[in-house]
Amino acid sequence: YNTGSVECIEAIEASMSPEEFKGYLKGNAMKYLWRCTYKGSCVQDLEKCIWYTSRLKEYIERESDGMASREARSIYGSTGTG
């Protein structure tokens, strides 16, 4: 969902801590998986579940990459060389 140049998911992420945002993504994935057999389109709900799960995976990967970069800077200094 867009309003102007801001996507809703980006505004939600900006309003939360990393742990809160991961919980939000996980909760939405679980919601769509849970309801897929009870609501209209199971396939559409599964696609939404996959979207939220993929977003969570990407977020965790970026978080891990950032932690690795910070660790390398603290060990090697800001240049990243030994």
N, C-alpha and C. Protein backbone atom coordinates (compact mmCIF):
# COMPACT_ATOMS: atom_id res chain seq x y z
N TYR A 1 0.84 -1.18 0.00
CA TYR A 1 0.00 0.00 0.00
C TYR A 1 0.88 1.24 0.00
N ASN A 2 0.58 2.18 -0.87
CA ASN A 2 1.36 3.41 -0.98
C ASN A 2 0.49 4.63 -0.68
N THR A 3 1.08 5.59 -0.03
CA THR A 3 0.52 6.93 0.08
C THR A 3 1.65 7.86 -0.28
N GLY A 4 1.57 8.44 -1.46
CA GLY A 4 2.69 9.24 -1.93
C GLY A 4 3.88 8.35 -2.18
N SER A 5 5.02 8.70 -1.60
CA SER A 5 6.24 7.93 -1.82
C SER A 5 6.56 6.96 -0.68
N VAL A 6 5.66 6.86 0.31
CA VAL A 6 5.92 6.01 1.47
C VAL A 6 5.03 4.78 1.41
N GLU A 7 5.66 3.61 1.50
CA GLU A 7 4.89 2.38 1.59
C GLU A 7 4.49 2.15 3.03
N CYS A 8 3.30 1.61 3.23
CA CYS A 8 2.78 1.37 4.58
C CYS A 8 3.74 0.50 5.38
N ILE A 9 4.26 -0.58 4.79
CA ILE A 9 5.15 -1.49 5.51
C ILE A 9 6.41 -0.76 5.98
N GLU A 10 6.89 0.21 5.21
CA GLU A 10 8.07 0.98 5.61
C GLU A 10 7.75 1.90 6.78
N ALA A 11 6.55 2.49 6.77
CA ALA A 11 6.14 3.34 7.89
C ALA A 11 5.98 2.50 9.16
N ILE A 12 5.42 1.31 9.02
CA ILE A 12 5.27 0.42 10.17
C ILE A 12 6.64 0.05 10.72
N GLU A 13 7.57 -0.31 9.84
CA GLU A 13 8.93 -0.66 10.27
C GLU A 13 9.59 0.51 11.01
N ALA A 14 9.42 1.71 10.48
CA ALA A 14 10.04 2.89 11.10
C ALA A 14 9.48 3.18 12.48
N SER A 15 8.25 2.73 12.73
CA SER A 15 7.61 3.02 14.02
C SER A 15 7.92 1.99 15.10
N MET A 16 8.68 0.94 14.74
CA MET A 16 8.91 -0.16 15.67
C MET A 16 10.39 -0.42 15.87
N SER A 17 10.69 -1.06 16.99
CA SER A 17 12.05 -1.55 17.20
C SER A 17 12.25 -2.77 16.30
N PRO A 18 13.50 -3.19 16.07
CA PRO A 18 13.73 -4.39 15.26
C PRO A 18 12.98 -5.61 15.76
N GLU A 19 12.96 -5.83 17.06
CA GLU A 19 12.25 -6.99 17.60
C GLU A 19 10.75 -6.89 17.38
N GLU A 20 10.20 -5.70 17.56
CA GLU A 20 8.77 -5.51 17.32
C GLU A 20 8.42 -5.77 15.86
N PHE A 21 9.26 -5.26 14.95
CA PHE A 21 8.98 -5.43 13.54
C PHE A 21 9.06 -6.89 13.12
N LYS A 22 10.05 -7.62 13.64
CA LYS A 22 10.14 -9.05 13.34
C LYS A 22 8.89 -9.77 13.86
N GLY A 23 8.40 -9.39 15.03
CA GLY A 23 7.19 -9.98 15.57
C GLY A 23 5.96 -9.66 14.71
N TYR A 24 5.92 -8.44 14.21
CA TYR A 24 4.83 -8.03 13.31
C TYR A 24 4.81 -8.90 12.06
N LEU A 25 5.98 -9.07 11.44
CA LEU A 25 6.07 -9.88 10.22
C LEU A 25 5.70 -11.34 10.50
N LYS A 26 6.22 -11.87 11.58
CA LYS A 26 5.93 -13.25 11.95
C LYS A 26 4.44 -13.43 12.24
N GLY A 27 3.86 -12.50 12.96
CA GLY A 27 2.44 -12.58 13.28
C GLY A 27 1.56 -12.53 12.05
N ASN A 28 1.90 -11.67 11.10
CA ASN A 28 1.10 -11.61 9.88
C ASN A 28 1.25 -12.88 9.05
N ALA A 29 2.45 -13.44 8.97
CA ALA A 29 2.64 -14.71 8.27
C ALA A 29 1.78 -15.79 8.90
N MET A 30 1.80 -15.86 10.22
CA MET A 30 1.00 -16.87 10.93
C MET A 30 -0.49 -16.66 10.70
N LYS A 31 -0.93 -15.40 10.68
CA LYS A 31 -2.34 -15.09 10.47
C LYS A 31 -2.81 -15.62 9.12
N TYR A 32 -2.05 -15.35 8.08
CA TYR A 32 -2.48 -15.79 6.75
C TYR A 32 -2.40 -17.30 6.60
N LEU A 33 -1.44 -17.93 7.22
CA LEU A 33 -1.37 -19.39 7.18
C LEU A 33 -2.56 -19.99 7.93
N TRP A 34 -2.87 -19.42 9.07
CA TRP A 34 -3.95 -19.91 9.93
C TRP A 34 -5.30 -19.83 9.21
N ARG A 35 -5.54 -18.71 8.54
CA ARG A 35 -6.87 -18.47 7.99
C ARG A 35 -7.07 -19.04 6.59
N CYS A 36 -6.04 -19.60 5.98
CA CYS A 36 -6.15 -19.97 4.57
C CYS A 36 -7.25 -20.99 4.29
N THR A 37 -7.56 -21.86 5.21
CA THR A 37 -8.62 -22.84 4.96
C THR A 37 -10.00 -22.35 5.40
N TYR A 38 -10.06 -21.18 6.04
CA TYR A 38 -11.33 -20.67 6.55
C TYR A 38 -11.88 -19.49 5.77
N LYS A 39 -11.06 -18.84 4.99
CA LYS A 39 -11.50 -17.66 4.25
C LYS A 39 -11.60 -17.99 2.77
N GLY A 40 -11.90 -17.00 1.96
CA GLY A 40 -12.16 -17.19 0.54
C GLY A 40 -11.09 -17.88 -0.28
N SER A 41 -9.93 -17.30 -0.40
CA SER A 41 -8.90 -17.83 -1.30
C SER A 41 -7.69 -18.33 -0.52
N CYS A 42 -7.58 -19.64 -0.37
CA CYS A 42 -6.45 -20.22 0.34
C CYS A 42 -5.14 -19.87 -0.37
N VAL A 43 -5.13 -19.92 -1.69
CA VAL A 43 -3.91 -19.63 -2.45
C VAL A 43 -3.46 -18.20 -2.19
N GLN A 44 -4.39 -17.25 -2.20
CA GLN A 44 -4.03 -15.85 -1.96
C GLN A 44 -3.48 -15.68 -0.54
N ASP A 45 -4.09 -16.33 0.43
CA ASP A 45 -3.59 -16.24 1.80
C ASP A 45 -2.20 -16.87 1.93
N LEU A 46 -1.97 -17.98 1.24
CA LEU A 46 -0.64 -18.59 1.26
C LEU A 46 0.39 -17.69 0.60
N GLU A 47 0.00 -16.99 -0.46
CA GLU A 47 0.93 -16.03 -1.09
C GLU A 47 1.27 -14.90 -0.14
N LYS A 48 0.29 -14.42 0.60
CA LYS A 48 0.56 -13.37 1.59
C LYS A 48 1.45 -13.89 2.71
N CYS A 49 1.22 -15.12 3.14
CA CYS A 49 2.07 -15.74 4.16
C CYS A 49 3.52 -15.80 3.66
N ILE A 50 3.70 -16.22 2.43
CA ILE A 50 5.04 -16.30 1.84
C ILE A 50 5.66 -14.91 1.75
N TRP A 51 4.87 -13.88 1.39
CA TRP A 51 5.39 -12.53 1.29
C TRP A 51 5.93 -12.06 2.65
N TYR A 52 5.14 -12.25 3.71
CA TYR A 52 5.58 -11.82 5.04
C TYR A 52 6.77 -12.66 5.53
N THR A 53 6.77 -13.94 5.24
CA THR A 53 7.89 -14.80 5.64
C THR A 53 9.16 -14.40 4.91
N SER A 54 9.04 -14.11 3.62
CA SER A 54 10.21 -13.67 2.83
C SER A 54 10.73 -12.34 3.35
N ARG A 55 9.82 -11.44 3.67
CA ARG A 55 10.23 -10.13 4.21
C ARG A 55 10.96 -10.31 5.54
N LEU A 56 10.47 -11.21 6.38
CA LEU A 56 11.12 -11.50 7.65
C LEU A 56 12.51 -12.08 7.42
N LYS A 57 12.63 -13.02 6.50
CA LYS A 57 13.93 -13.62 6.17
C LYS A 57 14.92 -12.57 5.69
N GLU A 58 14.48 -11.71 4.77
CA GLU A 58 15.34 -10.64 4.25
C GLU A 58 15.76 -9.69 5.37
N TYR A 59 14.84 -9.36 6.26
CA TYR A 59 15.13 -8.45 7.37
C TYR A 59 16.19 -9.06 8.29
N ILE A 60 16.03 -10.33 8.61
CA ILE A 60 16.99 -11.02 9.48
C ILE A 60 18.35 -11.13 8.79
N GLU A 61 18.36 -11.39 7.50
CA GLU A 61 19.64 -11.45 6.76
C GLU A 61 20.33 -10.10 6.76
N ARG A 62 19.58 -9.01 6.53
CA ARG A 62 20.18 -7.67 6.56
C ARG A 62 20.71 -7.35 7.96
N GLU A 63 19.95 -7.75 8.97
CA GLU A 63 20.36 -7.54 10.35
C GLU A 63 21.66 -8.28 10.64
N SER A 64 21.76 -9.53 10.17
CA SER A 64 22.98 -10.34 10.36
C SER A 64 24.15 -9.73 9.62
N ASP A 65 23.92 -9.25 8.38
CA ASP A 65 24.99 -8.61 7.61
C ASP A 65 25.48 -7.36 8.32
N GLY A 66 24.56 -6.59 8.88
CA GLY A 66 24.93 -5.39 9.61
C GLY A 66 25.74 -5.71 10.85
N MET A 67 25.38 -6.78 11.55
CA MET A 67 26.12 -7.18 12.74
C MET A 67 27.52 -7.64 12.36
N ALA A 68 27.64 -8.37 11.26
CA ALA A 68 28.96 -8.83 10.81
C ALA A 68 29.83 -7.64 10.43
N SER A 69 29.23 -6.63 9.77
CA SER A 69 29.98 -5.44 9.39
C SER A 69 30.45 -4.67 10.62
N ARG A 70 29.58 -4.55 11.61
CA ARG A 70 29.97 -3.84 12.84
C ARG A 70 31.08 -4.57 13.57
N GLU A 71 31.00 -5.92 13.61
CA GLU A 71 32.05 -6.70 14.26
C GLU A 71 33.37 -6.54 13.53
N ALA A 72 33.34 -6.55 12.20
CA ALA A 72 34.58 -6.39 11.43
C ALA A 72 35.18 -5.01 11.67
N ARG A 73 34.36 -3.97 11.75
CA ARG A 73 34.88 -2.63 12.01
C ARG A 73 35.51 -2.54 13.39
N SER A 74 34.91 -3.21 14.37
CA SER A 74 35.46 -3.13 15.73
C SER A 74 36.76 -3.93 15.84
N ILE A 75 36.89 -4.99 15.04
CA ILE A 75 38.11 -5.81 15.08
C ILE A 75 39.21 -5.15 14.25
N TYR A 76 38.85 -4.73 13.02
CA TYR A 76 39.84 -4.25 12.06
C TYR A 76 39.90 -2.74 11.92
N GLY A 77 39.04 -2.04 12.59
CA GLY A 77 38.97 -0.60 12.38
C GLY A 77 38.02 -0.30 11.24
N SER A 78 37.86 0.97 10.91
CA SER A 78 36.87 1.37 9.93
C SER A 78 37.25 0.98 8.51
N THR A 79 38.51 0.64 8.23
CA THR A 79 38.91 0.31 6.85
C THR A 79 38.58 -1.12 6.49
N GLY A 80 38.41 -2.02 7.47
CA GLY A 80 38.10 -3.41 7.20
C GLY A 80 39.33 -4.22 6.84
N THR A 81 40.51 -3.67 7.03
CA THR A 81 41.73 -4.43 6.73
C THR A 81 42.47 -4.74 8.02
N GLY A 82 43.31 -5.78 7.98
CA GLY A 82 44.02 -6.21 9.18
C GLY A 82 45.30 -5.55 9.45
